[in-house]
N, C-alpha and C. Protein backbone atom coordinates (compact mmCIF):
# COMPACT_ATOMS: atom_id res chain seq x y z
N UNK A 1 39.95 12.09 3.61
CA UNK A 1 40.49 12.95 4.73
C UNK A 1 41.03 12.01 5.56
N UNK A 2 42.04 13.63 6.20
CA UNK A 2 43.40 13.77 7.20
C UNK A 2 42.90 14.16 8.52
N UNK A 3 43.37 13.78 9.64
CA UNK A 3 42.88 13.69 11.13
C UNK A 3 44.67 14.34 11.84
N UNK A 4 45.12 15.16 12.98
CA UNK A 4 45.60 15.57 13.35
C UNK A 4 44.84 15.38 14.28
N UNK A 5 45.91 14.62 15.75
CA UNK A 5 45.26 14.07 16.83
C UNK A 5 46.46 14.84 17.84
N UNK A 6 46.70 15.79 18.90
CA UNK A 6 46.93 16.16 19.44
C UNK A 6 47.29 16.01 20.86
N UNK A 7 47.08 14.45 21.29
CA UNK A 7 47.14 14.72 23.04
C UNK A 7 47.35 13.95 23.25
N UNK A 8 48.14 14.34 24.92
CA UNK A 8 49.19 13.33 25.23
C UNK A 8 48.67 12.31 26.44
N UNK A 9 47.32 12.22 26.42
CA UNK A 9 47.38 10.41 27.11
C UNK A 9 46.19 9.81 26.08
N UNK A 10 47.34 8.88 26.59
CA UNK A 10 47.42 7.38 24.99
C UNK A 10 45.72 7.16 25.04
N UNK A 11 45.60 7.29 25.95
CA UNK A 11 43.47 6.33 26.28
C UNK A 11 42.16 7.30 25.65
N UNK A 12 42.65 8.40 25.84
CA UNK A 12 41.72 9.39 24.63
C UNK A 12 43.02 9.31 23.14
N UNK A 13 44.46 9.66 22.88
CA UNK A 13 44.47 9.56 21.76
C UNK A 13 43.53 7.77 20.78
N UNK A 14 43.61 6.54 21.88
CA UNK A 14 43.01 5.49 20.95
C UNK A 14 41.78 5.50 21.31
N UNK A 15 40.46 6.31 22.06
CA UNK A 15 39.60 6.28 21.40
C UNK A 15 39.23 7.58 20.21
N UNK A 16 40.28 8.50 19.99
CA UNK A 16 40.55 9.52 18.60
C UNK A 16 40.53 8.78 17.41
N UNK A 17 41.90 7.67 17.51
CA UNK A 17 42.32 6.97 15.89
C UNK A 17 40.88 6.26 16.35
N UNK A 18 40.86 5.24 17.91
CA UNK A 18 39.38 4.68 16.52
C UNK A 18 38.15 4.83 16.49
N UNK A 19 37.68 6.31 16.25
CA UNK A 19 36.68 7.01 15.69
C UNK A 19 37.42 7.21 14.47
N UNK A 20 37.59 8.03 13.94
CA UNK A 20 38.49 8.14 12.74
C UNK A 20 38.94 7.31 11.56
N UNK A 21 39.79 5.80 12.37
CA UNK A 21 40.75 5.81 11.53
C UNK A 21 39.99 5.32 10.05
N UNK A 22 38.14 4.65 10.00
CA UNK A 22 37.67 4.29 8.83
C UNK A 22 37.59 5.42 8.05
N UNK A 23 37.31 6.51 8.61
CA UNK A 23 37.75 7.45 7.44
C UNK A 23 38.39 8.15 6.88
N UNK A 24 39.42 7.80 6.81
CA UNK A 24 40.81 8.60 6.40
C UNK A 24 41.92 7.95 7.58
N UNK A 25 43.71 9.08 6.55
CA UNK A 25 44.14 8.98 7.97
C UNK A 25 44.57 9.52 8.74
N UNK A 26 45.15 9.40 9.73
CA UNK A 26 45.32 10.22 11.50
C UNK A 26 47.28 10.43 11.47
N UNK A 27 47.31 11.20 12.31
CA UNK A 27 48.74 11.89 11.78
C UNK A 27 48.75 11.49 13.75
N UNK A 28 49.78 12.10 14.61
CA UNK A 28 49.03 11.71 15.70
C UNK A 28 50.73 12.65 16.46
N UNK A 29 50.70 13.49 17.57
CA UNK A 29 51.23 14.31 17.85
C UNK A 29 50.96 14.81 19.69
N UNK A 30 52.23 14.68 20.36
CA UNK A 30 51.33 14.45 21.89
C UNK A 30 52.48 16.10 22.25
N UNK A 31 52.06 17.28 21.60
CA UNK A 31 52.96 18.19 22.45
C UNK A 31 51.94 19.33 21.14
N UNK A 32 51.47 20.50 21.53
CA UNK A 32 51.42 21.71 20.69
C UNK A 32 51.89 22.16 19.65
N UNK A 33 53.53 22.01 20.12
CA UNK A 33 54.66 22.96 19.69
C UNK A 33 54.79 21.85 17.99
N UNK A 34 55.14 21.06 18.77
CA UNK A 34 54.44 19.39 17.42
C UNK A 34 53.48 19.25 16.18
N UNK A 35 51.96 19.38 17.07
CA UNK A 35 50.70 19.83 16.35
C UNK A 35 51.29 21.46 15.43
N UNK A 36 51.64 22.29 16.07
CA UNK A 36 52.45 23.81 14.83
C UNK A 36 53.13 22.52 13.59
N UNK A 37 53.86 21.63 13.96
CA UNK A 37 55.08 22.26 12.84
C UNK A 37 54.15 20.95 12.55
N UNK A 38 53.10 20.31 12.75
CA UNK A 38 52.58 19.29 11.13
C UNK A 38 51.70 19.81 10.71
N UNK A 39 50.99 20.67 11.35
CA UNK A 39 50.03 21.69 10.55
C UNK A 39 50.54 22.48 9.21
N UNK A 40 52.18 22.72 9.72
CA UNK A 40 52.69 23.81 8.65
C UNK A 40 53.04 22.81 7.58
N UNK A 41 53.73 21.33 7.43
CA UNK A 41 54.22 21.02 6.70
C UNK A 41 53.50 20.10 5.96
N UNK A 42 51.37 19.98 6.53
CA UNK A 42 50.75 19.73 5.90
C UNK A 42 51.09 20.51 4.06
N UNK A 43 50.25 22.11 4.42
CA UNK A 43 50.78 22.88 4.10
C UNK A 43 51.30 22.62 2.89
N UNK A 44 52.91 22.68 3.15
CA UNK A 44 53.96 22.70 2.07
C UNK A 44 53.45 22.16 1.41
N UNK A 45 53.08 20.63 1.33
CA UNK A 45 52.69 19.00 0.89
C UNK A 45 51.52 19.39 0.66
N UNK A 46 50.71 20.77 0.04
CA UNK A 46 49.11 21.09 -0.10
C UNK A 46 48.83 19.81 -0.27
N UNK A 47 48.87 19.31 2.04
CA UNK A 47 47.88 17.99 1.67
C UNK A 47 48.03 17.76 3.57
N UNK A 48 46.48 19.12 3.39
CA UNK A 48 46.39 20.13 4.78
C UNK A 48 45.51 18.25 5.06
N UNK A 49 45.32 19.07 6.82
CA UNK A 49 44.76 18.20 7.63
C UNK A 49 42.88 18.76 7.22
N UNK A 50 42.02 17.27 7.26
CA UNK A 50 40.39 17.81 7.47
C UNK A 50 39.88 18.15 8.89
N UNK A 51 40.63 17.84 9.53
CA UNK A 51 39.89 18.69 10.93
C UNK A 51 41.37 18.42 11.98
N UNK A 52 41.25 18.77 13.01
CA UNK A 52 41.99 19.01 13.34
C UNK A 52 41.46 18.72 15.39
N UNK A 53 42.37 17.24 16.21
CA UNK A 53 41.98 17.40 17.35
C UNK A 53 42.57 18.34 18.44
N UNK A 54 43.11 19.00 19.44
CA UNK A 54 43.78 19.39 20.28
C UNK A 54 42.91 19.58 22.16
N UNK A 55 44.45 18.83 22.28
CA UNK A 55 43.66 18.91 24.23
C UNK A 55 43.76 20.23 24.47
N UNK A 56 43.41 20.55 25.12
CA UNK A 56 43.03 22.35 26.22
C UNK A 56 44.75 22.44 26.85
N UNK A 57 44.73 21.17 27.96
CA UNK A 57 45.67 21.25 28.97
C UNK A 57 46.97 20.42 27.79
N UNK A 58 47.99 20.47 27.26
CA UNK A 58 48.91 19.33 26.27
C UNK A 58 50.56 19.67 26.78
N UNK A 59 50.87 18.70 27.65
CA UNK A 59 52.26 18.68 28.02
C UNK A 59 51.98 19.48 29.13
N UNK A 60 51.19 20.43 30.03
CA UNK A 60 51.89 21.49 30.71
C UNK A 60 51.20 22.81 29.66
N UNK A 61 51.09 22.37 29.00
CA UNK A 61 50.75 24.01 27.99
C UNK A 61 49.39 24.44 28.06
N UNK A 62 49.39 25.52 27.07
CA UNK A 62 47.92 25.86 27.08
C UNK A 62 47.44 25.57 25.52
N UNK A 63 46.62 24.58 24.86
CA UNK A 63 46.11 25.00 24.21
C UNK A 63 46.80 25.44 23.18
N UNK A 64 45.72 26.84 23.80
CA UNK A 64 44.44 27.86 23.91
C UNK A 64 46.79 28.17 21.95
N UNK A 65 46.84 28.08 22.81
CA UNK A 65 48.10 28.91 21.70
C UNK A 65 49.15 28.24 20.94
N UNK A 66 48.92 26.58 20.83
CA UNK A 66 48.68 25.97 19.30
C UNK A 66 47.84 26.50 18.33
N UNK A 67 46.72 26.19 18.60
CA UNK A 67 45.89 27.44 18.23
C UNK A 67 45.37 28.31 17.57
N UNK A 68 45.64 29.72 18.01
CA UNK A 68 45.91 30.75 17.47
C UNK A 68 47.55 30.90 16.40
N UNK A 69 48.79 30.16 16.75
CA UNK A 69 49.71 30.11 15.85
C UNK A 69 49.26 29.04 14.29
N UNK A 70 48.18 27.85 14.86
CA UNK A 70 47.90 27.59 14.15
C UNK A 70 47.28 28.49 12.12
N UNK A 71 45.36 29.18 13.18
CA UNK A 71 45.20 30.70 12.75
C UNK A 71 46.10 31.48 11.92
N UNK A 72 47.01 31.54 12.77
CA UNK A 72 47.80 32.79 11.77
C UNK A 72 48.37 31.92 10.52
N UNK A 73 49.16 31.24 10.34
CA UNK A 73 49.92 30.23 9.90
C UNK A 73 48.19 30.15 8.14
N UNK A 74 47.53 29.55 9.00
CA UNK A 74 46.57 30.34 8.29
C UNK A 74 46.06 30.83 7.25
N UNK A 75 46.07 32.11 8.31
CA UNK A 75 46.07 33.87 7.53
C UNK A 75 47.42 34.23 6.63
N UNK A 76 48.16 33.73 7.48
CA UNK A 76 49.43 33.25 6.38
C UNK A 76 49.16 32.93 4.49
N UNK A 77 48.77 31.95 4.51
CA UNK A 77 48.87 31.00 3.56
C UNK A 77 47.55 31.83 3.29
N UNK A 78 46.70 32.80 3.08
CA UNK A 78 45.42 32.76 2.36
C UNK A 78 44.12 32.23 2.29
N UNK A 79 44.57 31.31 3.47
CA UNK A 79 43.51 30.50 4.02
C UNK A 79 42.15 31.47 3.71
N UNK A 80 40.81 31.32 2.70
CA UNK A 80 39.52 31.84 3.18
C UNK A 80 39.85 31.52 4.99
N UNK A 81 38.10 32.50 5.66
CA UNK A 81 38.11 32.23 7.13
C UNK A 81 37.28 30.94 7.46
N UNK A 82 35.80 31.02 6.13
CA UNK A 82 35.15 29.95 6.11
C UNK A 82 34.95 28.74 5.52
N UNK A 83 37.13 29.21 5.05
CA UNK A 83 37.26 27.28 4.32
C UNK A 83 38.30 27.66 5.82
N UNK A 84 38.27 28.12 6.89
CA UNK A 84 39.06 27.42 7.97
C UNK A 84 38.88 25.90 8.45
N UNK A 85 39.90 25.04 8.71
CA UNK A 85 40.21 23.56 8.87
C UNK A 85 40.07 23.98 10.54
N UNK A 86 39.01 22.73 10.38
CA UNK A 86 38.08 22.97 12.01
C UNK A 86 38.93 22.16 12.72
N UNK A 87 38.76 22.78 13.98
CA UNK A 87 39.60 22.82 15.04
C UNK A 87 38.72 22.51 16.49
N UNK A 88 39.05 21.09 16.85
CA UNK A 88 38.22 20.40 18.38
C UNK A 88 39.27 20.85 19.25
N UNK A 89 38.33 21.65 20.32
CA UNK A 89 39.57 21.54 21.23
C UNK A 89 38.87 20.30 22.50
N UNK A 90 39.38 19.38 22.87
CA UNK A 90 39.38 18.55 23.89
C UNK A 90 40.01 18.99 25.73
N UNK A 91 38.71 19.22 26.59
CA UNK A 91 39.38 19.40 27.76
C UNK A 91 38.13 18.45 28.90
N UNK A 92 39.60 19.03 30.13
CA UNK A 92 38.23 18.27 31.19
C UNK A 92 37.89 18.97 32.12
N UNK A 93 38.04 20.56 31.42
CA UNK A 93 37.86 21.66 32.60
C UNK A 93 36.07 21.79 32.60
N UNK A 94 35.36 22.66 33.58
CA UNK A 94 34.02 22.99 33.33
C UNK A 94 34.79 23.66 31.52
N UNK A 95 32.55 23.48 31.60
CA UNK A 95 32.45 24.09 30.00
C UNK A 95 32.96 26.29 29.92
N UNK A 96 32.58 26.77 30.99
CA UNK A 96 32.88 28.60 31.27
C UNK A 96 34.45 28.29 31.03
N UNK A 97 34.71 27.93 31.66
CA UNK A 97 36.41 28.19 31.62
C UNK A 97 36.54 27.36 30.42
N UNK A 98 36.40 26.40 29.53
CA UNK A 98 36.93 25.61 28.88
C UNK A 98 36.30 27.21 26.97
N UNK A 99 35.49 27.20 27.41
CA UNK A 99 34.41 28.31 26.06
C UNK A 99 35.26 29.43 25.91
N UNK A 100 35.92 29.58 26.49
CA UNK A 100 36.44 31.36 27.40
C UNK A 100 38.26 30.62 26.51
N UNK A 101 38.34 29.49 26.69
CA UNK A 101 39.87 29.07 26.76
C UNK A 101 39.81 28.97 24.44
N UNK A 102 38.50 27.85 24.61
CA UNK A 102 38.65 28.14 23.30
C UNK A 102 38.64 28.95 21.92
N UNK A 103 37.78 30.05 22.85
CA UNK A 103 37.62 31.26 21.94
C UNK A 103 38.70 32.45 21.98
N UNK A 104 39.59 32.21 22.67
CA UNK A 104 41.59 32.24 22.76
C UNK A 104 42.42 31.75 21.35
N UNK A 105 41.79 30.73 21.64
CA UNK A 105 42.49 30.05 21.06
C UNK A 105 42.31 30.57 19.35
N UNK A 106 41.03 30.44 18.92
CA UNK A 106 40.27 30.99 18.12
C UNK A 106 39.85 29.19 17.53
N UNK A 107 39.22 27.82 18.65
CA UNK A 107 39.05 26.54 18.12
C UNK A 107 37.21 27.39 17.44
N UNK A 108 37.47 25.50 16.55
CA UNK A 108 36.31 26.19 15.89
C UNK A 108 34.43 25.40 17.20
N UNK A 109 35.61 24.12 18.05
CA UNK A 109 34.38 23.57 18.15
C UNK A 109 35.30 22.91 20.01
N UNK A 110 34.44 22.50 21.35
CA UNK A 110 35.34 22.22 22.13
C UNK A 110 34.21 20.54 22.75
N UNK A 111 34.85 19.56 22.54
CA UNK A 111 34.26 18.51 23.35
C UNK A 111 34.78 18.07 24.69
N UNK A 112 33.68 18.88 25.86
CA UNK A 112 34.05 18.35 26.85
C UNK A 112 34.06 16.56 27.62
N UNK A 113 35.75 16.76 28.40
CA UNK A 113 35.69 15.04 28.61
C UNK A 113 34.39 14.46 29.69
N UNK A 114 34.48 13.44 29.83
CA UNK A 114 34.45 12.25 28.80
C UNK A 114 34.78 12.08 27.82
N UNK A 115 35.62 11.86 26.95
CA UNK A 115 35.64 12.08 25.25
C UNK A 115 34.53 10.59 25.30
N UNK A 116 33.43 10.68 23.86
CA UNK A 116 33.39 9.41 23.66
C UNK A 116 32.77 9.47 22.10
N UNK A 117 33.09 8.48 21.65
CA UNK A 117 32.73 8.36 20.24
C UNK A 117 31.45 8.40 19.65
N UNK A 118 31.12 8.58 20.51
CA UNK A 118 29.10 9.38 19.68
C UNK A 118 29.04 11.00 20.00
N UNK A 119 30.37 11.28 20.78
CA UNK A 119 30.82 13.14 20.95
C UNK A 119 31.17 12.83 19.55
N UNK A 120 32.68 12.98 19.47
CA UNK A 120 33.32 12.60 18.00
C UNK A 120 32.79 13.29 16.89
N UNK A 121 32.35 11.67 16.53
CA UNK A 121 30.72 11.85 15.59
C UNK A 121 30.55 12.38 15.01
N UNK A 122 29.35 13.19 16.77
CA UNK A 122 28.92 14.72 16.23
C UNK A 122 29.13 15.60 15.99
N UNK A 123 31.39 15.80 16.33
CA UNK A 123 31.24 17.02 16.52
C UNK A 123 31.46 17.13 14.66
N UNK A 124 32.34 15.89 13.47
CA UNK A 124 32.85 15.24 12.26
C UNK A 124 32.12 15.82 11.67
N UNK A 125 30.23 15.08 11.66
CA UNK A 125 29.14 15.24 11.82
C UNK A 125 28.62 16.18 11.33
N UNK A 126 29.03 17.33 12.10
CA UNK A 126 28.09 19.12 12.11
C UNK A 126 28.79 19.60 11.62
N UNK A 127 30.48 19.02 10.99
CA UNK A 127 30.87 20.01 10.40
C UNK A 127 30.97 19.49 8.90
N UNK A 128 31.10 18.13 8.13
CA UNK A 128 30.68 17.76 7.09
C UNK A 128 31.46 16.76 6.96
N UNK A 129 32.13 16.92 8.00
CA UNK A 129 33.53 15.92 8.03
C UNK A 129 34.03 13.86 7.35
N UNK A 130 32.19 13.53 8.14
CA UNK A 130 32.00 12.42 7.73
C UNK A 130 30.24 12.30 7.95
N UNK A 131 30.10 11.66 7.10
CA UNK A 131 28.81 11.27 7.08
C UNK A 131 27.50 10.80 8.46
């Protein structure tokens, strides 16, 4: 397994990495542009991510912009819709605001903060990424 973690908050990055480190490798980035580049590089190497975590507001940007770009790249590379990589958006906003943002960006799901190991594990288990 390989995880992309795009978050500019050190505490959140640590919590996610502590949760996924026993299940595979992880790659940390701190903004949306870096997330898109890391995703593109992984496809070029035929070593794509098992799941992507991205913060809804990352470095004063709307995280859905990076999400849309990643989904566009998936389509351009012929990835089938049902084989899209799960993208899990993390957010401090209320559920109504974040559900609109994640739908706009086409993320797979979202986790409302405060982040917990249990919430992260639940999402990864739901998508069959970890047992």
